[in-house]
Protein backbone atom coordinates (compact mmCIF):
# COMPACT_ATOMS: atom_id res chain seq x y z
CA MET A 1 0.00 -0.05 0.08
CA LEU A 2 1.24 3.22 -1.10
CA ASP A 3 4.46 1.83 -1.92
CA ALA A 4 5.93 5.03 -4.16
CA LEU A 5 5.04 7.49 -0.90
CA LYS A 6 6.92 4.69 1.40
CA GLU A 7 9.92 4.92 -0.79
CA GLU A 8 10.23 8.63 -0.89
CA LEU A 9 9.85 8.80 2.74
CA TRP A 10 12.45 6.38 3.13
CA LYS A 11 14.74 8.42 1.01
CA LEU A 12 13.68 11.77 2.85
CA HIS A 13 14.34 10.37 6.39
CA LEU A 14 18.11 9.41 5.15
CA MET A 15 18.38 13.04 4.75
CA LEU A 16 17.69 13.89 8.33
CA PRO A 17 21.21 12.92 9.69
CA LYS A 18 22.92 13.74 6.50
CA GLU A 19 21.74 17.18 6.91
CA GLY A 20 22.55 17.26 10.63
CA LEU A 21 19.13 17.61 11.72
CA VAL A 22 18.76 14.79 13.76
CA THR A 23 20.71 12.38 16.10
CA TRP A 24 19.93 8.88 16.82
CA THR A 25 16.33 7.87 16.36
CA SER A 26 15.08 11.51 16.97
CA GLY A 27 12.92 13.34 14.30
CA ASN A 28 10.33 12.09 11.67
CA ILE A 29 8.85 12.58 8.60
CA SER A 30 4.99 12.16 7.44
CA ALA A 31 3.42 12.58 4.13
CA ARG A 32 -0.49 12.45 3.16
CA ASP A 33 -1.60 10.81 0.00
CA PRO A 34 -4.00 13.29 -1.69
CA GLU A 35 -6.13 10.70 -3.12
CA SER A 36 -6.65 8.10 -0.43
CA GLY A 37 -6.12 10.41 2.40
CA TYR A 38 -4.02 8.09 4.42
CA VAL A 39 -0.95 9.37 6.01
CA VAL A 40 2.22 7.48 6.22
CA ILE A 41 4.74 8.19 8.82
CA LYS A 42 8.04 6.82 10.27
CA PRO A 43 8.14 3.83 12.85
CA SER A 44 8.83 4.77 16.75
CA GLY A 45 12.56 4.26 17.81
CA VAL A 46 13.99 3.01 14.54
CA MET A 47 17.71 3.76 13.65
CA TYR A 48 17.91 5.61 10.31
CA ASP A 49 20.55 3.33 8.87
CA GLU A 50 18.11 0.36 9.72
CA LEU A 51 14.97 2.01 8.38
CA ARG A 52 13.33 0.43 5.24
CA PRO A 53 10.54 1.63 3.12
CA GLU A 54 8.21 -1.14 4.30
CA ASP A 55 8.63 -0.27 7.84
CA HIS A 56 6.51 3.07 7.67
CA VAL A 57 3.09 2.91 8.95
CA VAL A 58 -0.03 3.95 7.28
CA LEU A 59 -2.79 5.38 9.05
CA ASP A 60 -6.07 7.14 8.68
CA LEU A 61 -6.41 10.77 10.11
CA GLU A 62 -8.27 9.20 13.26
CA GLY A 63 -5.05 7.40 14.02
CA THR A 64 -6.21 3.83 12.90
CA VAL A 65 -3.48 1.65 11.60
CA VAL A 66 -4.35 0.51 8.05
CA GLU A 67 -0.73 -1.10 7.20
CA GLY A 68 2.19 -1.62 9.29
CA HIS A 69 3.84 -4.16 11.55
CA LEU A 70 5.78 -1.39 13.74
CA LYS A 71 4.46 1.12 16.36
CA PRO A 72 3.95 4.74 14.57
CA SER A 73 6.11 7.63 15.63
CA SER A 74 5.30 9.02 19.28
CA ASP A 75 4.43 12.44 17.73
CA THR A 76 1.77 10.79 15.42
CA ALA A 77 -1.23 12.14 17.31
CA SER A 78 0.26 15.62 16.42
CA HIS A 79 0.86 15.05 12.99
CA LEU A 80 -2.67 13.73 12.44
CA TYR A 81 -3.93 16.80 14.35
CA ILE A 82 -2.07 19.23 11.81
CA TYR A 83 -3.62 17.35 9.10
CA ARG A 84 -6.89 17.30 10.04
CA HIS A 85 -6.89 21.26 10.63
CA ARG A 86 -4.59 22.23 7.50
CA PRO A 87 -5.78 20.51 4.55
CA ASP A 88 -3.43 22.53 2.42
CA ILE A 89 -0.60 20.49 4.00
CA ASN A 90 0.76 17.06 2.87
CA GLY A 91 4.09 16.84 4.48
CA ILE A 92 5.51 17.43 8.03
CA VAL A 93 8.95 16.95 9.37
CA HIS A 94 9.92 17.19 13.19
CA THR A 95 13.53 17.55 14.08
CA HIS A 96 15.73 18.74 17.03
CA SER A 97 18.12 20.52 14.76
CA PRO A 98 20.56 22.30 17.32
CA TYR A 99 20.75 25.76 16.32
CA ALA A 100 17.03 26.20 15.77
CA THR A 101 16.35 24.01 18.92
CA ALA A 102 18.49 26.82 20.98
CA PHE A 103 16.07 29.49 19.87
CA ALA A 104 13.18 26.95 21.01
CA ALA A 105 15.11 26.48 24.40
CA LEU A 106 14.89 30.27 25.03
CA GLY A 107 11.35 30.41 23.52
CA ARG A 108 12.33 33.02 20.93
CA SER A 109 11.40 33.37 17.63
CA ILE A 110 13.61 34.20 14.68
CA PRO A 111 13.29 37.60 13.36
CA VAL A 112 13.92 38.51 9.45
CA TYR A 113 17.55 39.30 10.02
CA LEU A 114 18.57 37.67 6.47
CA THR A 115 17.00 37.90 2.93
CA ALA A 116 17.18 34.09 3.03
CA ILE A 117 14.30 34.24 6.00
CA ALA A 118 12.30 36.53 4.05
CA ASP A 119 12.87 34.28 0.61
CA GLU A 120 11.89 30.96 2.33
CA PHE A 121 9.50 31.93 5.17
CA GLY A 122 8.04 35.24 4.21
CA GLY A 123 8.19 36.56 7.99
CA PRO A 124 9.75 35.83 11.40
CA ILE A 125 10.08 32.11 12.14
CA PRO A 126 7.61 32.15 15.17
CA CYS A 127 8.19 29.95 18.54
CA ALA A 128 4.92 28.19 20.06
CA GLY A 129 4.51 27.46 23.56
CA PHE A 130 5.54 24.22 25.58
CA ALA A 131 3.68 20.83 24.95
CA LEU A 132 4.21 17.35 26.27
CA ILE A 133 5.26 14.60 23.71
CA GLY A 134 2.60 11.84 22.82
CA GLY A 135 -0.59 13.58 22.42
CA GLU A 136 -2.41 16.22 20.24
CA GLU A 137 -0.89 19.10 22.31
CA ILE A 138 2.38 19.78 19.89
CA GLY A 139 -0.13 19.71 16.96
CA ARG A 140 -2.33 22.15 18.48
CA GLN A 141 0.52 24.26 19.33
CA VAL A 142 1.69 24.22 15.52
CA VAL A 143 -1.56 24.81 14.21
CA GLU A 144 -2.13 27.94 16.45
CA HIS A 145 1.23 29.64 16.16
CA ILE A 146 2.65 28.73 12.66
CA GLY A 147 0.58 30.97 10.73
CA GLN A 148 1.53 31.38 7.03
CA SER A 149 5.17 30.12 7.80
CA PRO A 150 6.24 26.65 6.65
CA ALA A 151 8.18 26.59 10.21
CA VAL A 152 7.54 26.98 13.84
CA LEU A 153 9.68 26.52 16.61
CA LEU A 154 8.24 24.58 19.65
CA LYS A 155 9.46 26.18 23.14
CA ASN A 156 12.09 23.58 24.94
CA HIS A 157 11.42 20.97 22.22
CA GLY A 158 12.55 21.70 18.55
CA VAL A 159 11.21 22.37 15.19
CA PHE A 160 8.07 21.45 12.89
CA THR A 161 7.98 22.45 9.46
CA VAL A 162 5.13 21.99 6.91
CA GLY A 163 4.67 21.92 3.06
CA LYS A 164 2.61 20.72 0.32
CA THR A 165 4.65 17.90 -0.13
CA ALA A 166 7.10 16.22 2.50
CA ARG A 167 9.97 17.05 0.33
CA ALA A 168 8.86 20.83 0.65
CA ALA A 169 8.73 20.39 4.40
CA LEU A 170 11.85 18.84 4.59
CA LYS A 171 13.55 21.91 2.56
CA ALA A 172 11.97 24.01 5.19
CA ALA A 173 13.60 22.25 8.13
CA VAL A 174 17.01 22.18 6.16
CA MET A 175 16.60 26.23 5.61
CA VAL A 176 15.33 26.57 9.43
CA GLU A 177 18.75 25.00 10.76
CA ASP A 178 20.93 26.94 8.23
CA VAL A 179 19.32 30.74 9.05
CA ALA A 180 19.36 29.84 12.60
CA ARG A 181 23.09 29.15 12.79
CA THR A 182 23.96 32.27 10.64
CA VAL A 183 21.61 34.48 13.11
CA HIS A 184 23.33 32.95 16.05
CA LEU A 185 26.76 33.61 14.44
CA ALA A 186 25.36 37.28 13.90
CA LEU A 187 24.04 37.58 17.44
CA GLN A 188 27.86 36.92 18.67
CA LEU A 189 29.17 39.76 16.77
CA GLY A 190 26.62 42.31 17.67
CA GLN A 191 22.39 43.21 16.96
CA PRO A 192 21.53 42.87 13.66
CA GLN A 193 18.69 44.79 12.25
CA GLU A 194 15.46 43.42 10.90
CA ILE A 195 14.56 43.80 7.10
CA ASP A 196 11.66 45.99 6.63
CA PRO A 197 8.36 44.35 6.15
CA GLU A 198 7.87 45.84 2.74
CA ALA A 199 10.92 44.45 1.45
CA VAL A 200 10.27 40.96 3.08
CA ALA A 201 6.98 41.01 1.13
CA LYS A 202 9.00 41.69 -2.14
CA LEU A 203 11.75 39.38 -1.36
CA HIS A 204 9.36 36.61 -0.53
CA HIS A 205 7.08 37.09 -3.63
CA ARG A 206 10.15 37.24 -5.93
CA TYR A 207 11.29 33.77 -4.48
CA THR A 208 8.05 32.08 -4.69
CA HIS A 209 7.06 33.43 -8.13
CA VAL A 210 10.01 34.24 -10.05
CA TYR A 211 13.13 32.72 -8.73
CA GLY A 212 14.16 29.16 -10.38
CA GLN A 213 13.03 27.38 -13.59
């Protein structure tokens, strides 16, 4: 069932440690199949180098396992909450990438200090409140605080990113960590200035409507 989507998720999961976004078994990616509405997600506690496409778990939006021989991620309830409340989203990534999570540890959003932040996120990267793992609470925080951004920090926890596809959500996760690292370095040198909101809007429009092929 959904073998092509499982194969894609397997490849995307291998990118998480490659990009330095996770350690050991932390983090996860899920994808929603637009046709069936089913969600495919990483199994809980499996090492990335041992993960296989067929290990991924298929669920419906209420959390019933449709296919899979392993337990789904401990963040499954939050992923499903986001999908139920955001029909425009078909991919979710969760990481504890170090620089972005350092801002989350402080409960701080990341202001638009860089054109790269304006390009990818269209505004500040917000920070949501604290929530315990295992239920829908993290998902509720994501939905309430992410706004139009593809990324949100979770206080004392980590990063959630979303996209029209799982690949788009992964790109946002990579970019969050990249800009968080640069902002951290800038803050060691002084106090950077935020980019004017009008310029942010123009940069984001150019990046999303003009940039690329």
